[in-house]
């Protein structure tokens, strides 16, 4: 059982990170619908979350002064 404690903690952290990412995506879609629409348009028909990391580094979301956006730091 002690061998699985680390695995359980890692899985819980990944679930929490995923929940936070989804809530941030909903927040951005509500408050910045034009920019979110631009992120969702890609050639692979994927989600906007793939383009969101690039936008945080050097795109629109890197330039805005929103408390929820500035606190978010993607897990690498």
PDB file of N, CA and C in Angstrom:
ATOM      1  N   UNK A   1       0.820  -1.196   0.000  1.00  0.00           N
ATOM      2  CA  UNK A   1       0.000   0.000   0.000  1.00  0.00           C
ATOM      3  C   UNK A   1       0.862   1.258   0.000  1.00  0.00           C
ATOM      4  N   UNK A   2       1.975   1.225   0.704  1.00  0.00           N
ATOM      5  CA  UNK A   2       2.827   2.414   0.762  1.00  0.00           C
ATOM      6  C   UNK A   2       3.441   2.723  -0.599  1.00  0.00           C
ATOM      7  N   UNK A   3       3.544   1.711  -1.464  1.00  0.00           N
ATOM      8  CA  UNK A   3       4.092   1.938  -2.795  1.00  0.00           C
ATOM      9  C   UNK A   3       3.148   2.768  -3.654  1.00  0.00           C
ATOM     10  N   UNK A   4       1.872   2.720  -3.351  1.00  0.00           N
ATOM     11  CA  UNK A   4       0.883   3.401  -4.175  1.00  0.00           C
ATOM     12  C   UNK A   4       0.564   4.813  -3.692  1.00  0.00           C
ATOM     13  N   UNK A   5       1.068   5.228  -2.571  1.00  0.00           N
ATOM     14  CA  UNK A   5       0.764   6.555  -2.044  1.00  0.00           C
ATOM     15  C   UNK A   5       1.287   7.647  -2.983  1.00  0.00           C
ATOM     16  N   UNK A   6       2.494   7.496  -3.463  1.00  0.00           N
ATOM     17  CA  UNK A   6       3.054   8.465  -4.407  1.00  0.00           C
ATOM     18  C   UNK A   6       2.264   8.524  -5.700  1.00  0.00           C
ATOM     19  N   UNK A   7       1.865   7.364  -6.199  1.00  0.00           N
ATOM     20  CA  UNK A   7       1.067   7.302  -7.421  1.00  0.00           C
ATOM     21  C   UNK A   7      -0.290   7.973  -7.231  1.00  0.00           C
ATOM     22  N   UNK A   8      -0.914   7.754  -6.090  1.00  0.00           N
ATOM     23  CA  UNK A   8      -2.211   8.365  -5.798  1.00  0.00           C
ATOM     24  C   UNK A   8      -2.077   9.880  -5.703  1.00  0.00           C
ATOM     25  N   UNK A   9      -1.024  10.362  -5.089  1.00  0.00           N
ATOM     26  CA  UNK A   9      -0.801  11.806  -4.979  1.00  0.00           C
ATOM     27  C   UNK A   9      -0.588  12.424  -6.355  1.00  0.00           C
ATOM     28  N   UNK A  10       0.182  11.778  -7.198  1.00  0.00           N
ATOM     29  CA  UNK A  10       0.422  12.285  -8.548  1.00  0.00           C
ATOM     30  C   UNK A  10      -0.871  12.331  -9.350  1.00  0.00           C
ATOM     31  N   UNK A  11      -1.678  11.300  -9.251  1.00  0.00           N
ATOM     32  CA  UNK A  11      -2.950  11.267  -9.980  1.00  0.00           C
ATOM     33  C   UNK A  11      -3.878  12.369  -9.485  1.00  0.00           C
ATOM     34  N   UNK A  12      -3.932  12.584  -8.176  1.00  0.00           N
ATOM     35  CA  UNK A  12      -4.769  13.654  -7.632  1.00  0.00           C
ATOM     36  C   UNK A  12      -4.300  15.029  -8.090  1.00  0.00           C
ATOM     37  N   UNK A  13      -2.989  15.237  -8.144  1.00  0.00           N
ATOM     38  CA  UNK A  13      -2.461  16.509  -8.623  1.00  0.00           C
ATOM     39  C   UNK A  13      -2.785  16.730 -10.099  1.00  0.00           C
ATOM     40  N   UNK A  14      -2.706  15.676 -10.892  1.00  0.00           N
ATOM     41  CA  UNK A  14      -3.063  15.797 -12.311  1.00  0.00           C
ATOM     42  C   UNK A  14      -4.548  16.109 -12.489  1.00  0.00           C
ATOM     43  N   UNK A  15      -5.388  15.516 -11.671  1.00  0.00           N
ATOM     44  CA  UNK A  15      -6.824  15.793 -11.743  1.00  0.00           C
ATOM     45  C   UNK A  15      -7.097  17.245 -11.351  1.00  0.00           C
ATOM     46  N   UNK A  16      -6.443  17.720 -10.300  1.00  0.00           N
ATOM     47  CA  UNK A  16      -6.624  19.113  -9.879  1.00  0.00           C
ATOM     48  C   UNK A  16      -6.130  20.089 -10.949  1.00  0.00           C
ATOM     49  N   UNK A  17      -5.004  19.779 -11.574  1.00  0.00           N
ATOM     50  CA  UNK A  17      -4.470  20.633 -12.638  1.00  0.00           C
ATOM     51  C   UNK A  17      -5.428  20.672 -13.822  1.00  0.00           C
ATOM     52  N   UNK A  18      -5.990  19.531 -14.165  1.00  0.00           N
ATOM     53  CA  UNK A  18      -6.931  19.468 -15.279  1.00  0.00           C
ATOM     54  C   UNK A  18      -8.193  20.272 -14.970  1.00  0.00           C
ATOM     55  N   UNK A  19      -8.696  20.170 -13.757  1.00  0.00           N
ATOM     56  CA  UNK A  19      -9.882  20.946 -13.359  1.00  0.00           C
ATOM     57  C   UNK A  19      -9.596  22.439 -13.423  1.00  0.00           C
ATOM     58  N   UNK A  20      -8.420  22.834 -12.977  1.00  0.00           N
ATOM     59  CA  UNK A  20      -8.049  24.246 -13.017  1.00  0.00           C
ATOM     60  C   UNK A  20      -7.903  24.738 -14.449  1.00  0.00           C
ATOM     61  N   UNK A  21      -7.318  23.921 -15.320  1.00  0.00           N
ATOM     62  CA  UNK A  21      -7.186  24.283 -16.731  1.00  0.00           C
ATOM     63  C   UNK A  21      -8.547  24.463 -17.381  1.00  0.00           C
ATOM     64  N   UNK A  22      -9.475  23.562 -17.085  1.00  0.00           N
ATOM     65  CA  UNK A  22     -10.809  23.668 -17.666  1.00  0.00           C
ATOM     66  C   UNK A  22     -11.547  24.904 -17.160  1.00  0.00           C
ATOM     67  N   UNK A  23     -11.412  25.202 -15.870  1.00  0.00           N
ATOM     68  CA  UNK A  23     -12.078  26.395 -15.339  1.00  0.00           C
ATOM     69  C   UNK A  23     -11.462  27.666 -15.913  1.00  0.00           C
ATOM     70  N   UNK A  24     -10.156  27.682 -16.133  1.00  0.00           N
ATOM     71  CA  UNK A  24      -9.519  28.835 -16.742  1.00  0.00           C
ATOM     72  C   UNK A  24      -9.983  28.989 -18.185  1.00  0.00           C
ATOM     73  N   UNK A  25     -10.132  27.891 -18.901  1.00  0.00           N
ATOM     74  CA  UNK A  25     -10.633  27.947 -20.271  1.00  0.00           C
ATOM     75  C   UNK A  25     -12.035  28.521 -20.343  1.00  0.00           C
ATOM     76  N   UNK A  26     -12.894  28.124 -19.420  1.00  0.00           N
ATOM     77  CA  UNK A  26     -14.252  28.679 -19.369  1.00  0.00           C
ATOM     78  C   UNK A  26     -14.220  30.167 -19.048  1.00  0.00           C
ATOM     79  N   UNK A  27     -13.354  30.558 -18.136  1.00  0.00           N
ATOM     80  CA  UNK A  27     -13.230  31.967 -17.767  1.00  0.00           C
ATOM     81  C   UNK A  27     -12.777  32.801 -18.966  1.00  0.00           C
ATOM     82  N   UNK A  28     -11.769  32.320 -19.671  1.00  0.00           N
ATOM     83  CA  UNK A  28     -11.265  33.058 -20.827  1.00  0.00           C
ATOM     84  C   UNK A  28     -12.299  33.113 -21.944  1.00  0.00           C
ATOM     85  N   UNK A  29     -13.052  32.037 -22.141  1.00  0.00           N
ATOM     86  CA  UNK A  29     -14.081  32.020 -23.173  1.00  0.00           C
ATOM     87  C   UNK A  29     -15.196  33.016 -22.855  1.00  0.00           C
ATOM     88  N   UNK A  30     -15.498  33.211 -21.582  1.00  0.00           N
ATOM     89  CA  UNK A  30     -16.547  34.154 -21.196  1.00  0.00           C
ATOM     90  C   UNK A  30     -16.084  35.599 -21.256  1.00  0.00           C
ATOM     91  N   UNK A  31     -14.857  35.856 -20.818  1.00  0.00           N
ATOM     92  CA  UNK A  31     -14.390  37.238 -20.716  1.00  0.00           C
ATOM     93  C   UNK A  31     -13.676  37.745 -21.973  1.00  0.00           C
ATOM     94  N   UNK A  32     -13.108  36.859 -22.743  1.00  0.00           N
ATOM     95  CA  UNK A  32     -12.392  37.238 -23.962  1.00  0.00           C
ATOM     96  C   UNK A  32     -12.845  36.341 -25.115  1.00  0.00           C
ATOM     97  N   UNK A  33     -14.102  36.468 -25.550  1.00  0.00           N
ATOM     98  CA  UNK A  33     -14.629  35.531 -26.556  1.00  0.00           C
ATOM     99  C   UNK A  33     -13.948  35.639 -27.913  1.00  0.00           C
ATOM    100  N   UNK A  34     -13.531  36.840 -28.325  1.00  0.00           N
ATOM    101  CA  UNK A  34     -12.878  36.973 -29.631  1.00  0.00           C
ATOM    102  C   UNK A  34     -11.534  36.255 -29.658  1.00  0.00           C
ATOM    103  N   UNK A  35     -10.734  36.459 -28.631  1.00  0.00           N
ATOM    104  CA  UNK A  35      -9.427  35.794 -28.576  1.00  0.00           C
ATOM    105  C   UNK A  35      -9.582  34.285 -28.400  1.00  0.00           C
ATOM    106  N   UNK A  36     -10.573  33.873 -27.630  1.00  0.00           N
ATOM    107  CA  UNK A  36     -10.801  32.441 -27.443  1.00  0.00           C
ATOM    108  C   UNK A  36     -11.219  31.791 -28.765  1.00  0.00           C
ATOM    109  N   UNK A  37     -12.018  32.515 -29.553  1.00  0.00           N
ATOM    110  CA  UNK A  37     -12.434  32.000 -30.862  1.00  0.00           C
ATOM    111  C   UNK A  37     -11.226  31.832 -31.776  1.00  0.00           C
ATOM    112  N   UNK A  38     -10.291  32.775 -31.719  1.00  0.00           N
ATOM    113  CA  UNK A  38      -9.075  32.662 -32.528  1.00  0.00           C
ATOM    114  C   UNK A  38      -8.252  31.442 -32.102  1.00  0.00           C
ATOM    115  N   UNK A  39      -8.220  31.161 -30.790  1.00  0.00           N
ATOM    116  CA  UNK A  39      -7.450  30.012 -30.314  1.00  0.00           C
ATOM    117  C   UNK A  39      -8.093  28.683 -30.719  1.00  0.00           C
ATOM    118  N   UNK A  40      -9.421  28.662 -30.819  1.00  0.00           N
ATOM    119  CA  UNK A  40     -10.104  27.408 -31.140  1.00  0.00           C
ATOM    120  C   UNK A  40     -10.034  27.072 -32.621  1.00  0.00           C
ATOM    121  N   UNK A  41      -9.680  28.028 -33.453  1.00  0.00           N
ATOM    122  CA  UNK A  41      -9.579  27.767 -34.886  1.00  0.00           C
ATOM    123  C   UNK A  41      -8.173  27.294 -35.216  1.00  0.00           C
ATOM    124  N   UNK A  42      -8.030  25.999 -35.415  1.00  0.00           N
ATOM    125  CA  UNK A  42      -6.751  25.455 -35.857  1.00  0.00           C
ATOM    126  C   UNK A  42      -6.999  24.361 -36.881  1.00  0.00           C
ATOM    127  N   UNK A  43      -5.983  24.000 -37.583  1.00  0.00           N
ATOM    128  CA  UNK A  43      -6.141  23.077 -38.703  1.00  0.00           C
ATOM    129  C   UNK A  43      -6.346  21.628 -38.275  1.00  0.00           C
ATOM    130  N   UNK A  44      -6.035  21.297 -37.055  1.00  0.00           N
ATOM    131  CA  UNK A  44      -6.149  19.909 -36.612  1.00  0.00           C
ATOM    132  C   UNK A  44      -7.468  19.619 -35.900  1.00  0.00           C
ATOM    133  N   UNK A  45      -8.361  20.585 -35.821  1.00  0.00           N
ATOM    134  CA  UNK A  45      -9.634  20.441 -35.130  1.00  0.00           C
ATOM    135  C   UNK A  45      -9.457  19.999 -33.684  1.00  0.00           C
ATOM    136  N   UNK A  46      -8.420  20.470 -33.059  1.00  0.00           N
ATOM    137  CA  UNK A  46      -8.168  20.138 -31.658  1.00  0.00           C
ATOM    138  C   UNK A  46      -8.793  21.170 -30.752  1.00  0.00           C
ATOM    139  N   UNK A  47      -8.387  21.155 -29.531  1.00  0.00           N
ATOM    140  CA  UNK A  47      -8.928  22.113 -28.579  1.00  0.00           C
ATOM    141  C   UNK A  47      -8.056  23.350 -28.527  1.00  0.00           C
ATOM    142  N   UNK A  48      -8.579  24.375 -27.908  1.00  0.00           N
ATOM    143  CA  UNK A  48      -7.841  25.629 -27.789  1.00  0.00           C
ATOM    144  C   UNK A  48      -6.720  25.533 -26.765  1.00  0.00           C
ATOM    145  N   UNK A  49      -6.737  24.519 -25.925  1.00  0.00           N
ATOM    146  CA  UNK A  49      -5.738  24.416 -24.861  1.00  0.00           C
ATOM    147  C   UNK A  49      -4.338  24.184 -25.421  1.00  0.00           C
ATOM    148  N   UNK A  50      -4.241  23.627 -26.617  1.00  0.00           N
ATOM    149  CA  UNK A  50      -2.930  23.440 -27.222  1.00  0.00           C
ATOM    150  C   UNK A  50      -2.324  24.787 -27.599  1.00  0.00           C
ATOM    151  N   UNK A  51      -3.138  25.723 -28.056  1.00  0.00           N
ATOM    152  CA  UNK A  51      -2.652  27.042 -28.440  1.00  0.00           C
ATOM    153  C   UNK A  51      -2.575  27.998 -27.254  1.00  0.00           C
ATOM    154  N   UNK A  52      -3.191  27.649 -26.158  1.00  0.00           N
ATOM    155  CA  UNK A  52      -3.246  28.533 -25.005  1.00  0.00           C
ATOM    156  C   UNK A  52      -1.871  28.734 -24.380  1.00  0.00           C
ATOM    157  N   UNK A  53      -1.068  27.717 -24.337  1.00  0.00           N
ATOM    158  CA  UNK A  53       0.271  27.838 -23.753  1.00  0.00           C
ATOM    159  C   UNK A  53       1.124  28.820 -24.551  1.00  0.00           C
ATOM    160  N   UNK A  54       1.013  28.769 -25.865  1.00  0.00           N
ATOM    161  CA  UNK A  54       1.765  29.703 -26.704  1.00  0.00           C
ATOM    162  C   UNK A  54       1.261  31.124 -26.523  1.00  0.00           C
ATOM    163  N   UNK A  55      -0.042  31.281 -26.329  1.00  0.00           N
ATOM    164  CA  UNK A  55      -0.598  32.611 -26.127  1.00  0.00           C
ATOM    165  C   UNK A  55      -0.172  33.188 -24.779  1.00  0.00           C
ATOM    166  N   UNK A  56       0.022  32.334 -23.775  1.00  0.00           N
ATOM    167  CA  UNK A  56       0.505  32.810 -22.478  1.00  0.00           C
ATOM    168  C   UNK A  56       1.965  33.245 -22.556  1.00  0.00           C
ATOM    169  N   UNK A  57       2.732  32.641 -23.443  1.00  0.00           N
ATOM    170  CA  UNK A  57       4.149  32.989 -23.539  1.00  0.00           C
ATOM    171  C   UNK A  57       4.373  34.278 -24.318  1.00  0.00           C
ATOM    172  N   UNK A  58       3.755  34.391 -25.489  1.00  0.00           N
ATOM    173  CA  UNK A  58       4.037  35.577 -26.298  1.00  0.00           C
ATOM    174  C   UNK A  58       2.834  36.052 -27.100  1.00  0.00           C
ATOM    175  N   UNK A  59       1.639  35.694 -26.705  1.00  0.00           N
ATOM    176  CA  UNK A  59       0.444  36.100 -27.428  1.00  0.00           C
ATOM    177  C   UNK A  59      -0.372  37.127 -26.668  1.00  0.00           C
ATOM    178  N   UNK A  60      -1.647  37.154 -26.968  1.00  0.00           N
ATOM    179  CA  UNK A  60      -2.555  38.140 -26.374  1.00  0.00           C
ATOM    180  C   UNK A  60      -2.635  38.012 -24.863  1.00  0.00           C
ATOM    181  N   UNK A  61      -2.734  36.790 -24.358  1.00  0.00           N
ATOM    182  CA  UNK A  61      -2.918  36.601 -22.919  1.00  0.00           C
ATOM    183  C   UNK A  61      -1.656  36.911 -22.123  1.00  0.00           C
ATOM    184  N   UNK A  62      -0.530  37.052 -22.794  1.00  0.00           N
ATOM    185  CA  UNK A  62       0.688  37.475 -22.110  1.00  0.00           C
ATOM    186  C   UNK A  62       0.696  38.982 -21.894  1.00  0.00           C
ATOM    187  N   UNK A  63      -0.136  39.712 -22.637  1.00  0.00           N
ATOM    188  CA  UNK A  63      -0.116  41.173 -22.563  1.00  0.00           C
ATOM    189  C   UNK A  63      -1.207  41.753 -21.678  1.00  0.00           C
ATOM    190  N   UNK A  64      -2.236  40.975 -21.355  1.00  0.00           N
ATOM    191  CA  UNK A  64      -3.338  41.546 -20.580  1.00  0.00           C
ATOM    192  C   UNK A  64      -3.014  41.540 -19.092  1.00  0.00           C
ATOM    193  N   UNK A  65      -3.671  42.421 -18.375  1.00  0.00           N
ATOM    194  CA  UNK A  65      -3.457  42.536 -16.934  1.00  0.00           C
ATOM    195  C   UNK A  65      -4.719  42.075 -16.206  1.00  0.00           C
ATOM    196  N   UNK A  66      -4.938  40.776 -16.219  1.00  0.00           N
ATOM    197  CA  UNK A  66      -6.088  40.166 -15.566  1.00  0.00           C
ATOM    198  C   UNK A  66      -5.549  39.298 -14.431  1.00  0.00           C
ATOM    199  N   UNK A  67      -6.130  39.456 -13.252  1.00  0.00           N
ATOM    200  CA  UNK A  67      -5.580  38.763 -12.083  1.00  0.00           C
ATOM    201  C   UNK A  67      -5.620  37.247 -12.238  1.00  0.00           C
ATOM    202  N   UNK A  68      -6.671  36.724 -12.813  1.00  0.00           N
ATOM    203  CA  UNK A  68      -6.779  35.274 -12.954  1.00  0.00           C
ATOM    204  C   UNK A  68      -5.795  34.739 -13.992  1.00  0.00           C
ATOM    205  N   UNK A  69      -5.526  35.521 -15.018  1.00  0.00           N
ATOM    206  CA  UNK A  69      -4.600  35.094 -16.074  1.00  0.00           C
ATOM    207  C   UNK A  69      -3.161  35.193 -15.592  1.00  0.00           C
ATOM    208  N   UNK A  70      -2.829  36.243 -14.859  1.00  0.00           N
ATOM    209  CA  UNK A  70      -1.444  36.404 -14.416  1.00  0.00           C
ATOM    210  C   UNK A  70      -1.060  35.387 -13.340  1.00  0.00           C
ATOM    211  N   UNK A  71      -2.036  34.889 -12.580  1.00  0.00           N
ATOM    212  CA  UNK A  71      -1.738  33.906 -11.552  1.00  0.00           C
ATOM    213  C   UNK A  71      -1.504  32.525 -12.166  1.00  0.00           C
ATOM    214  N   UNK A  72      -2.139  32.258 -13.299  1.00  0.00           N
ATOM    215  CA  UNK A  72      -2.029  30.940 -13.913  1.00  0.00           C
ATOM    216  C   UNK A  72      -0.613  30.702 -14.430  1.00  0.00           C
ATOM    217  N   UNK A  73      -0.037  29.591 -14.022  1.00  0.00           N
ATOM    218  CA  UNK A  73       1.270  29.185 -14.515  1.00  0.00           C
ATOM    219  C   UNK A  73       1.153  27.751 -14.984  1.00  0.00           C
ATOM    220  N   UNK A  74       1.309  27.511 -16.288  1.00  0.00           N
ATOM    221  CA  UNK A  74       1.129  26.153 -16.792  1.00  0.00           C
ATOM    222  C   UNK A  74       2.156  25.172 -16.208  1.00  0.00           C
ATOM    223  N   UNK A  75       1.696  23.983 -15.985  1.00  0.00           N
ATOM    224  CA  UNK A  75       2.554  22.916 -15.485  1.00  0.00           C
ATOM    225  C   UNK A  75       3.381  22.376 -16.643  1.00  0.00           C
ATOM    226  N   UNK A  76       4.690  22.388 -16.481  1.00  0.00           N
ATOM    227  CA  UNK A  76       5.559  21.908 -17.559  1.00  0.00           C
ATOM    228  C   UNK A  76       6.209  20.609 -17.143  1.00  0.00           C
TER     229      UNK A  76
END
